Amino acid sequence: MNQTSTINYCAHALACLGIVSILAGARPAWAQPHAVLQYHGGPVLETFQIYPLYYGNWSTADMNTQQTFLVKLTGYLSGQNAPAFEQPMMKQYGVNQATVAPAAKASPTAVPKILKRADILNIIHANQATGNLPAFGPNTLIMVFPAHGFGLDVCNGCGYHTSESSSAFWSVVPHDVGPTLQLVTAHEVFEASADPAIDNSPGWDEPVDGCTSISFVTLSFGQIPGAADNTNAGTCSTTGYTSLAEIQVYGWTYADYRAKYDQLWPQGWRLYSLQSYVLPNGEVLYNAVWRPTGNIGEIQVYGYQYADYRSLYDQLWPQGWRLYILDTFVLPDGETRYNAVWRPGNSGEIQDYGVTYAQYRSDYDRLWPQGWRLYILQAYVLPGGQVLYNAVWRPGNSGEIQVYGYQYVDYRTLYDQLWQQGWRLYILQSYVLPDGQVLYNAVWRPGNHGEIQVYNYQYADYRSTYDQLWQQGWRLYILQSYVLPDGEVRYNAVWRQGTLDRPL
């Protein structure tokens, strides 16, 4: 079996074992790499509404101009008028859709002064009490716009975003900011959307701060700041958009996969998803998904025994490499092998390898109250039917619901219940017992984005669905294959609108 994608961006390949780096020559300032952003486990405003409060003596004309900019800015973030096969740059951080509420006005006779944090909170709370502003919520960003003459005690001519709790988000941008009100407003909207609970539960690193002085983008409705583009090695964006390109291969031999990786590497493609599976005759085949990611470093190993994998992990850890993908497969004789992909990072990381469910669950329950959340979860089955678990945890405080070893009908019933309650899939994996029974592990996290899934599909049916969804802007979020006892390969897949890199 050797199946490859044939739509839009297709190929098949593999790359290097060890550290691969691209040495670039001199680049203009805007192309200098911002550090690739790291995720810290906190909330992200996937779908949110801005509630603007115009405080003080705003003229009608100025307020209408600012309100029009906010409407068009949120339209941009939601993908309106995006170029074909491109997405707004903030979507890579999980920011999918935004709207703006009608303008609210307050205290038109307020005397201009320097405002402290406590002053801003008093303004917000007073207007919440009268119904002029809504209560805080996980999908709400309150933005206070003080009129001419007001300033902030923390900085001269700036705005900022902050939080009152892990679900109470606000920002303040005075009229007299620089270089322009539009740029600073967009700056704070972008950073608040990716890191809304900054003071209580950090999400992504600040995406704009490292680019403010060297990158801005002029769109049809005005100017927005550049932001670190993780799909292009962290360089500062000058277009406001990132690529929706995706290359996949299905059921490739290692030799073919490796050749393709080596072809794609110098073109700036990096692995998004990697999984191997084993046919009854012992043949190991690979599925892979690549996305354009510039010259981000990537280290991979394939088919390693645990001792060799662990030795390399321990070498890479102090050098600043962290697991991005971990995939275990079991040969017919019961030998367990490891595939792994590392990327640069500094996040904390705790792992389990080949442990029983009881041990895994004990570790999970111990780590949860300490602020650790699942990043990778995989179960695999030994020839005798024993199910073992790999897991990787990273710091975070997101809500999390999990099921282990569920039959499909029970899993699906729970999925349908959780969907209505605002939970979305974070991890999905099936495994097959020796008697052919297919069981499901799943992890959900809070979310309200769209999601399309297929389960137990033959390749032809999966491929037909993929090709239909591609044209509509859906991209793979999860892809997993499993092998039935008769050797038939089946597919599970989850799509989301646009590309979204893990760990969201």
Protein backbone atom coordinates (compact mmCIF):
# COMPACT_ATOMS: atom_id res chain seq x y z
CA MET A 1 0.00 0.00 0.00
CA ASN A 2 1.45 3.35 -1.07
CA GLN A 3 -1.12 6.14 -1.08
CA THR A 4 -0.37 9.80 -1.40
CA SER A 5 -2.38 12.98 -1.46
CA THR A 6 -3.00 14.35 -4.92
CA ILE A 7 -4.82 17.57 -4.09
CA ASN A 8 -3.23 21.01 -4.15
CA TYR A 9 -0.11 20.32 -2.10
CA CYS A 10 0.94 16.71 -2.38
CA ALA A 11 4.08 14.71 -2.14
CA HIS A 12 5.71 12.12 0.04
CA ALA A 13 9.07 12.30 1.84
CA LEU A 14 11.21 12.22 4.98
CA ALA A 15 14.28 13.78 6.49
CA CYS A 16 17.24 13.68 8.72
CA LEU A 17 18.13 11.88 11.87
CA GLY A 18 19.80 14.38 14.12
CA ILE A 19 19.75 18.15 14.14
CA VAL A 20 19.08 19.68 10.75
CA SER A 21 19.65 23.38 10.34
CA ILE A 22 19.41 25.86 7.49
CA LEU A 23 21.95 28.67 7.53
CA ALA A 24 20.44 31.83 6.15
CA GLY A 25 22.29 34.80 4.78
CA ALA A 26 21.62 38.40 5.72
CA ARG A 27 17.92 39.22 5.79
CA PRO A 28 15.99 42.49 6.00
CA ALA A 29 14.82 43.54 9.42
CA TRP A 30 11.24 42.33 8.94
CA ALA A 31 12.47 38.82 8.10
CA GLN A 32 14.67 38.43 11.13
CA PRO A 33 13.36 35.53 13.21
CA HIS A 34 11.26 36.33 16.22
CA ALA A 35 11.62 33.46 18.69
CA VAL A 36 9.16 30.70 17.84
CA LEU A 37 6.33 31.19 20.30
CA GLN A 38 5.74 28.73 23.12
CA TYR A 39 2.40 27.73 24.61
CA HIS A 40 2.03 27.74 28.39
CA GLY A 41 -1.26 25.97 28.92
CA GLY A 42 -3.65 28.85 29.54
CA PRO A 43 -6.80 29.89 27.65
CA VAL A 44 -7.00 31.25 24.12
CA LEU A 45 -9.91 33.30 22.77
CA GLU A 46 -11.00 30.93 20.00
CA THR A 47 -14.31 32.69 19.37
CA PHE A 48 -14.88 35.94 21.21
CA GLN A 49 -16.65 39.28 21.27
CA ILE A 50 -15.06 42.64 21.98
CA TYR A 51 -17.09 44.98 24.17
CA PRO A 52 -15.75 48.52 23.64
CA LEU A 53 -16.29 51.20 26.25
CA TYR A 54 -15.56 54.76 25.11
CA TYR A 55 -14.75 56.58 28.34
CA GLY A 56 -14.66 60.35 28.59
CA ASN A 57 -15.29 63.04 26.01
CA TRP A 58 -15.17 61.16 22.71
CA SER A 59 -16.47 62.97 19.65
CA THR A 60 -19.06 61.09 17.65
CA ALA A 61 -16.82 61.13 14.58
CA ASP A 62 -13.79 59.72 16.41
CA MET A 63 -15.86 57.05 18.13
CA ASN A 64 -17.48 55.99 14.85
CA THR A 65 -14.08 55.79 13.16
CA GLN A 66 -12.70 53.58 15.93
CA GLN A 67 -15.81 51.41 15.98
CA THR A 68 -15.62 50.90 12.22
CA PHE A 69 -12.00 49.83 12.57
CA LEU A 70 -12.93 47.29 15.26
CA VAL A 71 -15.67 45.83 13.07
CA LYS A 72 -13.29 45.41 10.16
CA LEU A 73 -10.48 44.13 12.39
CA THR A 74 -12.70 41.39 13.82
CA GLY A 75 -13.88 40.57 10.31
CA TYR A 76 -10.26 40.12 9.28
CA LEU A 77 -9.60 37.84 12.27
CA SER A 78 -12.66 35.79 11.25
CA GLY A 79 -11.24 35.20 7.77
CA GLN A 80 -13.35 37.65 5.78
CA ASN A 81 -11.75 38.42 2.40
CA ALA A 82 -8.76 36.17 3.10
CA PRO A 83 -6.72 35.28 -0.01
CA ALA A 84 -7.32 31.82 -1.45
CA PHE A 85 -5.63 29.06 0.57
CA GLU A 86 -4.44 31.51 3.24
CA GLN A 87 -5.68 32.24 6.75
CA PRO A 88 -5.36 35.19 9.16
CA MET A 89 -2.06 34.84 10.98
CA MET A 90 -3.66 34.60 14.43
CA LYS A 91 -5.54 31.45 13.45
CA GLN A 92 -2.33 29.46 13.91
CA TYR A 93 -2.69 30.24 17.63
CA GLY A 94 -6.29 29.03 17.74
CA VAL A 95 -8.02 32.41 17.25
CA ASN A 96 -10.83 31.57 14.86
CA GLN A 97 -13.57 34.17 14.97
CA ALA A 98 -14.26 37.55 16.54
CA THR A 99 -17.08 40.06 16.62
CA VAL A 100 -17.56 43.47 18.21
CA ALA A 101 -20.53 44.67 20.25
CA PRO A 102 -22.13 48.08 19.72
CA ALA A 103 -20.26 51.01 21.19
CA ALA A 104 -20.88 51.73 24.86
CA LYS A 105 -20.21 55.23 26.22
CA ALA A 106 -19.44 56.30 29.77
CA SER A 107 -18.64 59.44 31.79
CA PRO A 108 -18.39 62.02 28.98
CA THR A 109 -17.55 64.75 31.52
CA ALA A 110 -14.72 62.80 33.17
CA VAL A 111 -11.64 64.97 33.69
CA PRO A 112 -8.55 63.57 31.88
CA LYS A 113 -5.90 62.15 34.18
CA ILE A 114 -3.33 59.37 34.47
CA LEU A 115 -5.20 56.11 35.04
CA LYS A 116 -3.95 53.30 37.24
CA ARG A 117 -4.96 49.67 36.96
CA ALA A 118 -7.36 50.12 39.88
CA ASP A 119 -8.97 53.07 38.06
CA ILE A 120 -9.61 50.97 34.95
CA LEU A 121 -11.10 48.15 37.01
CA ASN A 122 -13.34 50.62 38.83
CA ILE A 123 -14.56 51.94 35.47
CA ILE A 124 -15.27 48.42 34.21
CA HIS A 125 -16.99 47.27 37.39
CA ALA A 126 -19.16 50.39 37.57
CA ASN A 127 -20.33 49.92 34.00
CA GLN A 128 -20.94 46.21 34.56
CA ALA A 129 -23.10 47.10 37.55
CA THR A 130 -25.30 49.38 35.42
CA GLY A 131 -25.50 46.93 32.51
CA ASN A 132 -23.46 49.15 30.22
CA LEU A 133 -20.90 46.33 30.01
CA PRO A 134 -21.45 42.59 30.34
CA ALA A 135 -19.99 40.41 33.04
CA PHE A 136 -16.59 38.89 32.30
CA GLY A 137 -16.64 35.54 30.57
CA PRO A 138 -14.37 33.08 28.74
CA ASN A 139 -15.41 34.46 25.32
CA THR A 140 -15.49 38.15 26.26
CA LEU A 141 -12.82 40.82 25.87
CA ILE A 142 -13.68 44.19 27.42
CA MET A 143 -11.72 47.08 25.90
CA VAL A 144 -11.70 50.50 27.54
CA PHE A 145 -10.84 53.44 25.28
CA PRO A 146 -10.15 56.59 27.36
CA ALA A 147 -10.63 59.83 25.44
CA HIS A 148 -8.06 62.52 24.53
CA GLY A 149 -6.01 63.66 27.49
CA PHE A 150 -6.05 60.42 29.47
CA GLY A 151 -2.88 58.41 29.99
CA LEU A 152 -1.72 55.29 31.81
CA ASP A 153 0.60 55.15 34.78
CA VAL A 154 2.52 52.12 33.47
CA CYS A 155 3.67 53.71 30.21
CA ASN A 156 3.59 56.86 28.15
CA GLY A 157 1.44 56.65 25.04
CA CYS A 158 0.74 52.91 25.17
CA GLY A 159 -2.04 50.39 25.83
CA TYR A 160 -2.01 47.00 27.49
CA HIS A 161 -4.09 43.89 28.08
CA THR A 162 -4.44 41.98 31.31
CA SER A 163 -6.84 39.81 33.29
CA GLU A 164 -8.69 39.86 36.58
CA SER A 165 -8.91 36.04 36.66
CA SER A 166 -8.36 33.08 34.33
CA SER A 167 -11.73 33.90 32.70
CA ALA A 168 -11.93 37.71 33.08
CA PHE A 169 -10.09 39.57 30.31
CA TRP A 170 -9.72 43.26 29.59
CA SER A 171 -7.58 45.79 27.78
CA VAL A 172 -7.13 49.55 27.84
CA VAL A 173 -6.04 51.70 24.89
CA PRO A 174 -6.18 55.50 25.33
CA HIS A 175 -6.97 57.69 22.34
CA ASP A 176 -3.55 59.35 22.62
CA VAL A 177 -1.42 56.26 21.96
CA GLY A 178 1.32 55.93 19.40
CA PRO A 179 2.26 55.39 16.72
CA THR A 180 -1.48 55.24 15.87
CA LEU A 181 -4.68 54.27 17.65
CA GLN A 182 -5.34 51.59 15.02
CA LEU A 183 -1.98 49.88 15.41
CA VAL A 184 -2.09 49.82 19.19
CA THR A 185 -5.70 48.62 19.20
CA ALA A 186 -4.88 45.76 16.84
CA HIS A 187 -1.74 44.97 18.85
CA GLU A 188 -3.75 44.54 22.05
CA VAL A 189 -6.52 42.56 20.35
CA PHE A 190 -4.00 40.15 18.84
CA GLU A 191 -2.09 39.64 22.08
CA ALA A 192 -5.20 39.44 24.25
CA SER A 193 -6.73 36.82 21.97
CA ALA A 194 -3.67 34.53 22.16
CA ASP A 195 -2.88 35.23 25.83
CA PRO A 196 -6.02 36.63 27.49
CA ALA A 197 -5.27 35.48 31.05
CA ILE A 198 -1.68 36.71 31.00
CA ASP A 199 -1.57 37.61 34.70
CA ASN A 200 -3.35 34.49 35.91
CA SER A 201 -2.90 31.64 33.43
CA PRO A 202 -0.55 32.42 30.51
CA GLY A 203 -1.44 31.06 27.08
CA TRP A 204 0.89 31.77 24.16
CA ASP A 205 3.94 34.00 24.37
CA GLU A 206 3.09 37.57 23.31
CA PRO A 207 2.88 37.34 19.50
CA VAL A 208 3.37 41.02 18.63
CA ASP A 209 5.84 42.43 21.15
CA GLY A 210 8.93 41.18 19.34
CA CYS A 211 7.74 42.57 16.01
CA THR A 212 6.25 45.96 16.86
CA SER A 213 9.24 48.07 15.89
CA ILE A 214 10.06 46.28 12.65
CA SER A 215 6.85 45.00 11.10
CA PHE A 216 3.40 46.31 10.28
CA VAL A 217 0.83 45.37 7.67
CA THR A 218 -1.38 47.66 5.59
CA LEU A 219 -4.72 46.04 4.74
CA SER A 220 -7.73 47.51 2.98
CA PHE A 221 -9.26 48.80 6.23
CA GLY A 222 -6.12 50.13 7.90
CA GLN A 223 -2.87 49.09 9.53
CA ILE A 224 -2.25 46.15 11.82
CA PRO A 225 1.00 45.08 13.48
CA GLY A 226 3.09 42.18 12.28
CA ALA A 227 3.18 39.16 14.55
CA ALA A 228 5.49 36.22 15.04
CA ASP A 229 4.58 33.67 12.38
CA ASN A 230 5.20 30.20 13.79
CA THR A 231 4.45 28.77 10.35
CA ASN A 232 7.57 30.55 9.10
CA ALA A 233 10.12 29.94 11.86
CA GLY A 234 8.85 32.85 13.95
CA THR A 235 9.64 35.59 11.43
CA CYS A 236 7.53 38.74 11.71
CA SER A 237 4.63 38.70 9.30
CA THR A 238 4.34 41.43 6.68
CA THR A 239 1.17 40.13 5.00
CA GLY A 240 -1.15 39.33 7.91
CA TYR A 241 -1.77 35.85 6.54
CA THR A 242 -0.28 32.37 6.74
CA SER A 243 -0.51 29.40 4.43
CA LEU A 244 -3.19 26.72 4.45
CA ALA A 245 -0.87 24.36 2.59
CA GLU A 246 -0.74 20.74 3.71
CA ILE A 247 1.08 17.73 2.29
CA GLN A 248 0.15 14.21 3.32
CA VAL A 249 1.23 10.65 2.64
CA TYR A 250 -0.59 7.49 3.66
CA GLY A 251 0.77 3.97 4.05
CA TRP A 252 4.27 4.67 2.78
CA THR A 253 7.28 2.52 3.40
CA TYR A 254 10.03 4.09 5.47
CA ALA A 255 12.34 4.36 2.46
CA ASP A 256 9.76 6.29 0.45
CA TYR A 257 8.75 8.43 3.39
CA ARG A 258 12.37 9.20 4.15
CA ALA A 259 13.11 10.22 0.59
CA LYS A 260 10.14 12.58 0.61
CA TYR A 261 11.09 14.11 3.95
CA ASP A 262 14.54 14.88 2.58
CA GLN A 263 12.97 16.51 -0.45
CA LEU A 264 10.59 18.66 1.59
CA TRP A 265 13.04 19.71 4.30
CA PRO A 266 14.97 22.36 2.31
CA GLN A 267 11.66 23.71 1.00
CA GLY A 268 10.64 24.67 4.55
CA TRP A 269 8.13 21.88 5.25
CA ARG A 270 8.06 20.34 8.72
CA LEU A 271 6.12 17.47 10.24
CA TYR A 272 2.75 18.19 11.76
CA SER A 273 1.66 14.59 12.20
CA LEU A 274 3.52 11.28 12.07
CA GLN A 275 2.19 7.79 12.73
CA SER A 276 3.36 4.32 11.88
CA TYR A 277 1.33 1.12 11.88
CA VAL A 278 2.23 -2.54 11.48
CA LEU A 279 0.60 -5.00 9.08
CA PRO A 280 0.14 -8.65 10.14
CA ASN A 281 3.20 -9.63 8.07
CA GLY A 282 5.36 -7.24 10.10
CA GLU A 283 5.65 -4.49 7.48
CA VAL A 284 5.79 -1.03 9.06
CA LEU A 285 4.07 1.75 7.11
CA TYR A 286 3.91 5.50 7.70
CA ASN A 287 1.33 8.26 7.57
CA ALA A 288 2.63 11.82 7.68
CA VAL A 289 1.36 15.38 7.34
CA TRP A 290 3.69 18.31 6.64
CA ARG A 291 3.04 22.03 6.83
CA PRO A 292 5.20 24.98 5.75
CA THR A 293 7.11 26.09 8.84
CA GLY A 294 10.21 27.83 7.53
CA ASN A 295 13.52 26.76 9.01
CA ILE A 296 12.36 25.57 12.44
CA GLY A 297 14.73 22.91 13.74
CA GLU A 298 13.48 19.36 13.93
CA ILE A 299 15.09 16.17 15.21
CA GLN A 300 13.58 12.78 14.50
CA VAL A 301 14.21 9.12 15.23
CA TYR A 302 12.41 6.13 13.74
CA GLY A 303 12.09 2.58 14.99
CA TYR A 304 14.30 3.12 18.03
CA GLN A 305 14.41 0.67 20.89
CA TYR A 306 13.48 2.32 24.18
CA ALA A 307 17.01 2.43 25.59
CA ASP A 308 18.34 4.25 22.53
CA TYR A 309 15.37 6.60 22.41
CA ARG A 310 15.73 7.43 26.09
CA SER A 311 19.44 8.05 25.80
CA LEU A 312 18.84 10.55 23.02
CA TYR A 313 15.97 12.20 24.91
CA ASP A 314 18.25 12.76 27.90
CA GLN A 315 20.91 14.31 25.65
CA LEU A 316 18.46 16.63 23.90
CA TRP A 317 16.63 17.86 27.00
CA PRO A 318 19.41 20.12 28.36
CA GLN A 319 20.00 21.43 24.84
CA GLY A 320 16.48 22.89 24.74
CA TRP A 321 14.62 20.29 22.66
CA ARG A 322 11.13 19.09 23.62
CA LEU A 323 8.92 16.31 22.30
CA TYR A 324 6.59 17.35 19.52
CA ILE A 325 5.47 13.89 18.37
CA LEU A 326 5.82 10.52 20.12
CA ASP A 327 4.62 7.36 18.36
CA THR A 328 5.09 3.75 19.45
CA PHE A 329 4.47 0.65 17.34
CA VAL A 330 4.63 -3.05 18.22
CA LEU A 331 6.21 -5.66 15.95
CA PRO A 332 4.57 -9.11 15.65
CA ASP A 333 7.12 -10.62 18.05
CA GLY A 334 6.07 -8.09 20.70
CA GLU A 335 9.08 -5.80 20.40
CA THR A 336 8.16 -2.18 20.98
CA ARG A 337 9.75 0.55 18.87
CA TYR A 338 9.66 4.34 19.10
CA ASN A 339 9.33 7.16 16.61
CA ALA A 340 9.85 10.66 17.99
CA VAL A 341 10.12 14.24 16.76
CA TRP A 342 11.62 17.06 18.84
CA ARG A 343 11.40 20.80 18.30
CA PRO A 344 13.13 23.65 20.15
CA GLY A 345 11.34 24.58 23.36
CA ASN A 346 11.63 25.24 27.06
CA SER A 347 8.40 23.84 28.46
CA GLY A 348 8.39 21.50 31.41
CA GLU A 349 7.66 17.91 30.45
CA ILE A 350 6.80 14.71 32.32
CA GLN A 351 6.46 11.37 30.53
CA ASP A 352 5.26 7.81 31.04
CA TYR A 353 6.42 5.02 28.73
CA GLY A 354 4.87 1.58 28.47
CA VAL A 355 3.00 1.68 31.77
CA THR A 356 -0.22 -0.08 32.70
CA TYR A 357 -3.46 1.85 32.87
CA ALA A 358 -3.38 1.68 36.65
CA GLN A 359 0.08 3.25 36.77
CA TYR A 360 -0.82 5.86 34.14
CA ARG A 361 -4.00 6.78 35.99
CA SER A 362 -2.16 7.07 39.28
CA ASP A 363 0.34 9.42 37.65
CA TYR A 364 -2.44 11.45 36.00
CA ASP A 365 -4.30 11.92 39.29
CA ARG A 366 -1.09 12.94 41.04
CA LEU A 367 -0.05 15.42 38.33
CA TRP A 368 -3.45 17.05 37.77
CA PRO A 369 -3.57 19.12 40.98
CA GLN A 370 0.03 20.15 40.40
CA GLY A 371 -0.99 21.91 37.16
CA TRP A 372 0.09 19.33 34.56
CA ARG A 373 -2.10 18.52 31.54
CA LEU A 374 -1.89 15.89 28.83
CA TYR A 375 0.04 16.80 25.70
CA ILE A 376 0.44 13.32 24.16
CA LEU A 377 -1.45 10.12 24.96
CA GLN A 378 -1.06 6.80 23.18
CA ALA A 379 -2.12 3.26 24.04
CA TYR A 380 -0.64 0.24 22.30
CA VAL A 381 -1.39 -3.48 22.49
CA LEU A 382 1.09 -6.30 22.99
CA PRO A 383 0.49 -9.63 21.18
CA GLY A 384 -1.04 -11.17 24.30
CA GLY A 385 -3.61 -8.37 24.55
CA GLN A 386 -2.04 -6.27 27.30
CA VAL A 387 -2.66 -2.55 26.78
CA LEU A 388 0.15 -0.18 27.76
CA TYR A 389 0.27 3.61 27.79
CA ASN A 390 2.65 6.37 26.79
CA ALA A 391 1.85 9.87 28.03
CA VAL A 392 3.47 13.29 28.03
CA TRP A 393 2.29 16.08 30.32
CA ARG A 394 3.05 19.79 30.13
CA PRO A 395 2.20 22.64 32.51
CA GLY A 396 -1.32 23.99 32.15
CA ASN A 397 -4.65 24.49 33.87
CA SER A 398 -7.15 23.77 31.10
CA GLY A 399 -10.24 21.76 31.87
CA GLU A 400 -9.90 18.20 30.60
CA ILE A 401 -12.28 15.26 30.19
CA GLN A 402 -10.91 11.85 29.24
CA VAL A 403 -12.19 8.37 28.44
CA TYR A 404 -10.11 5.22 28.06
CA GLY A 405 -10.96 1.98 26.30
CA TYR A 406 -14.48 3.00 25.28
CA GLN A 407 -16.45 1.15 22.64
CA TYR A 408 -17.46 3.40 19.77
CA VAL A 409 -21.14 3.66 20.69
CA ASP A 410 -20.31 4.78 24.23
CA TYR A 411 -17.63 7.18 23.05
CA ARG A 412 -20.01 8.68 20.48
CA THR A 413 -22.78 9.13 23.02
CA LEU A 414 -20.43 11.03 25.30
CA TYR A 415 -19.05 13.09 22.40
CA ASP A 416 -22.55 14.24 21.48
CA GLN A 417 -23.24 15.23 25.07
CA LEU A 418 -19.98 17.11 25.48
CA TRP A 419 -20.32 18.94 22.17
CA GLN A 420 -23.41 20.75 23.41
CA GLN A 421 -21.57 21.70 26.61
CA GLY A 422 -18.67 23.37 24.77
CA TRP A 423 -16.04 20.61 24.78
CA ARG A 424 -13.93 19.73 21.74
CA LEU A 425 -11.52 16.91 20.96
CA TYR A 426 -7.91 17.43 21.90
CA ILE A 427 -6.65 13.83 21.55
CA LEU A 428 -8.30 10.88 19.80
CA GLN A 429 -6.82 7.42 19.44
CA SER A 430 -8.11 3.92 18.68
CA TYR A 431 -6.42 0.63 19.39
CA VAL A 432 -7.33 -2.92 18.41
CA LEU A 433 -7.44 -5.93 20.71
CA PRO A 434 -6.40 -9.38 19.42
CA ASP A 435 -10.08 -10.37 19.03
CA GLY A 436 -10.63 -7.43 16.66
CA GLN A 437 -12.46 -5.19 19.10
CA VAL A 438 -11.71 -1.51 18.45
CA LEU A 439 -11.56 0.69 21.54
CA TYR A 440 -11.21 4.46 21.90
CA ASN A 441 -9.23 6.83 24.07
CA ALA A 442 -10.19 10.50 23.91
CA VAL A 443 -9.40 13.77 25.64
CA TRP A 444 -11.61 16.85 25.37
CA ARG A 445 -10.84 20.45 26.29
CA PRO A 446 -13.14 23.49 26.42
CA GLY A 447 -13.81 25.05 23.02
CA ASN A 448 -16.51 26.25 20.67
CA HIS A 449 -14.89 25.85 17.27
CA GLY A 450 -16.30 23.74 14.46
CA GLU A 451 -15.13 20.15 14.17
CA ILE A 452 -15.68 17.41 11.61
CA GLN A 453 -14.77 13.79 12.36
CA VAL A 454 -14.80 10.42 10.64
CA TYR A 455 -14.29 7.06 12.32
CA ASN A 456 -13.38 3.63 11.01
CA TYR A 457 -13.21 4.81 7.39
CA GLN A 458 -11.59 2.88 4.60
CA TYR A 459 -8.98 4.91 2.78
CA ALA A 460 -11.13 5.62 -0.29
CA ASP A 461 -13.94 7.04 1.83
CA TYR A 462 -11.56 9.03 4.00
CA ARG A 463 -9.84 10.44 0.93
CA SER A 464 -13.12 11.46 -0.67
CA THR A 465 -14.08 13.34 2.50
CA TYR A 466 -10.67 14.99 2.72
CA ASP A 467 -10.90 16.25 -0.87
CA GLN A 468 -14.34 17.73 -0.27
CA LEU A 469 -13.34 19.44 2.95
CA TRP A 470 -10.10 20.82 1.53
CA GLN A 471 -11.95 23.16 -0.80
CA GLN A 472 -14.01 24.45 2.14
CA GLY A 473 -10.94 25.43 4.20
CA TRP A 474 -10.88 22.47 6.59
CA ARG A 475 -7.49 21.02 7.52
CA LEU A 476 -6.43 17.96 9.47
CA TYR A 477 -6.17 18.33 13.22
CA ILE A 478 -5.93 14.62 14.09
CA LEU A 479 -5.11 11.71 11.81
CA GLN A 480 -4.80 8.13 13.00
CA SER A 481 -4.83 4.70 11.38
CA TYR A 482 -5.27 1.29 12.94
CA VAL A 483 -5.05 -2.23 11.55
CA LEU A 484 -7.73 -4.89 11.96
CA PRO A 485 -6.66 -8.53 12.48
CA ASP A 486 -7.27 -9.32 8.80
CA GLY A 487 -4.81 -6.57 7.79
CA GLU A 488 -7.39 -4.00 6.73
CA VAL A 489 -6.34 -0.44 7.54
CA ARG A 490 -8.96 1.98 8.86
CA TYR A 491 -8.81 5.75 9.44
CA ASN A 492 -9.99 8.16 12.10
CA ALA A 493 -9.67 11.87 11.34
CA VAL A 494 -10.67 15.21 12.83
CA TRP A 495 -10.68 18.43 10.81
CA ARG A 496 -10.80 22.05 11.96
CA GLN A 497 -11.19 25.22 9.93
CA GLY A 498 -7.69 26.33 8.97
CA THR A 499 -4.36 25.04 10.21
CA LEU A 500 -3.91 24.87 13.93
CA ASP A 501 -0.65 23.67 15.35
CA ARG A 502 -0.57 21.64 18.53
CA PRO A 503 -0.86 21.94 21.48
CA LEU A 504 -4.27 23.64 21.18
